[in-house]
Each structure stands twice: as C-alpha cells, then as structure tokens.
C-alpha cells in the first residue's frame, strides 16, 4: 500500500517537471526512497491514489473528463 508521504513525494517530482516520469532512475535520483516497487504500484494505482490523497487534483481531473 502506498502511503500519503510516498504519493506526495511522487507528486512533488512530477509537478517539478525535472524529469520524465517514466525514467525511474531519474525519479530516484531526485527522491531515492521511491523504489522500483513503489513507483510501479503508484503508476498502477495512480487514479485511486489521487482520489484518496489529493481531493483538489481529483476534482480537476474529473472536470477534465479523465
């Protein structure tokens, strides 16, 4: 299970735009605690995590029809 802290770490990297989010080595160079297993689970369950941990972003995605 992905924790709120792990989700926020991932989102911090994603929102910063410093690397391609499919380049796990680059993500890990920015945030080493995001292991391959954690990144894989975040990517598989991203929408669910947004609903759970980020209500504002969830509303934005719903408005955009995603």
Protein backbone atom coordinates (compact mmCIF):
# COMPACT_ATOMS: atom_id res chain seq x y z
CA UNK A 1 0.00 0.00 0.00
CA UNK A 2 1.27 3.43 -0.96
CA UNK A 3 1.41 5.91 1.89
CA UNK A 4 0.40 9.54 1.64
CA UNK A 5 4.06 10.52 2.06
CA UNK A 6 5.11 8.29 -0.87
CA UNK A 7 2.34 9.68 -3.05
CA UNK A 8 3.31 13.25 -2.15
CA UNK A 9 6.97 12.54 -2.90
CA UNK A 10 5.99 11.20 -6.34
CA UNK A 11 3.70 14.18 -6.97
CA UNK A 12 6.45 16.57 -5.91
CA UNK A 13 8.77 15.13 -8.53
CA UNK A 14 6.00 15.03 -11.16
CA UNK A 15 4.93 18.62 -10.57
CA UNK A 16 8.51 19.90 -10.54
CA UNK A 17 8.96 18.76 -14.14
CA UNK A 18 12.62 17.94 -13.55
CA UNK A 19 12.43 14.52 -15.18
CA UNK A 20 10.41 12.20 -17.36
CA UNK A 21 8.10 10.25 -15.05
CA UNK A 22 8.79 7.05 -16.98
CA UNK A 23 12.51 7.38 -16.22
CA UNK A 24 12.60 5.70 -12.84
CA UNK A 25 16.35 6.22 -12.39
CA UNK A 26 15.87 9.96 -12.81
CA UNK A 27 12.98 9.95 -10.33
CA UNK A 28 15.10 8.00 -7.85
CA UNK A 29 17.99 10.44 -8.27
CA UNK A 30 15.62 13.17 -7.08
CA UNK A 31 13.85 11.06 -4.45
CA UNK A 32 15.82 7.86 -3.61
CA UNK A 33 13.13 6.42 -1.31
CA UNK A 34 10.84 5.87 -4.30
CA UNK A 35 11.91 2.31 -5.11
CA UNK A 36 11.02 0.42 -8.27
CA UNK A 37 8.27 -1.44 -6.38
CA UNK A 38 6.78 1.81 -5.05
CA UNK A 39 6.93 3.53 -8.44
CA UNK A 40 5.29 0.54 -10.11
CA UNK A 41 2.46 0.49 -7.61
CA UNK A 42 1.95 4.25 -7.86
CA UNK A 43 1.71 4.03 -11.64
CA UNK A 44 -0.71 1.08 -11.48
CA UNK A 45 -2.97 2.75 -8.90
CA UNK A 46 -2.41 6.44 -9.66
CA UNK A 47 -6.07 7.39 -10.14
CA UNK A 48 -7.07 5.66 -6.90
CA UNK A 49 -4.24 7.43 -5.05
CA UNK A 50 -5.36 10.80 -6.39
CA UNK A 51 -8.88 10.10 -5.14
CA UNK A 52 -7.57 9.03 -1.76
CA UNK A 53 -4.84 11.59 -1.09
CA UNK A 54 -5.48 14.62 -3.32
CA UNK A 55 -9.14 15.73 -3.47
CA UNK A 56 -8.31 19.01 -5.22
CA UNK A 57 -6.43 17.26 -8.04
CA UNK A 58 -9.21 14.67 -8.22
CA UNK A 59 -11.77 17.43 -8.88
CA UNK A 60 -9.51 18.90 -11.57
CA UNK A 61 -9.23 15.52 -13.29
CA UNK A 62 -12.98 14.93 -13.09
CA UNK A 63 -13.64 18.34 -14.69
CA UNK A 64 -11.21 17.46 -17.48
CA UNK A 65 -13.04 14.15 -18.00
CA UNK A 66 -10.13 11.93 -17.00
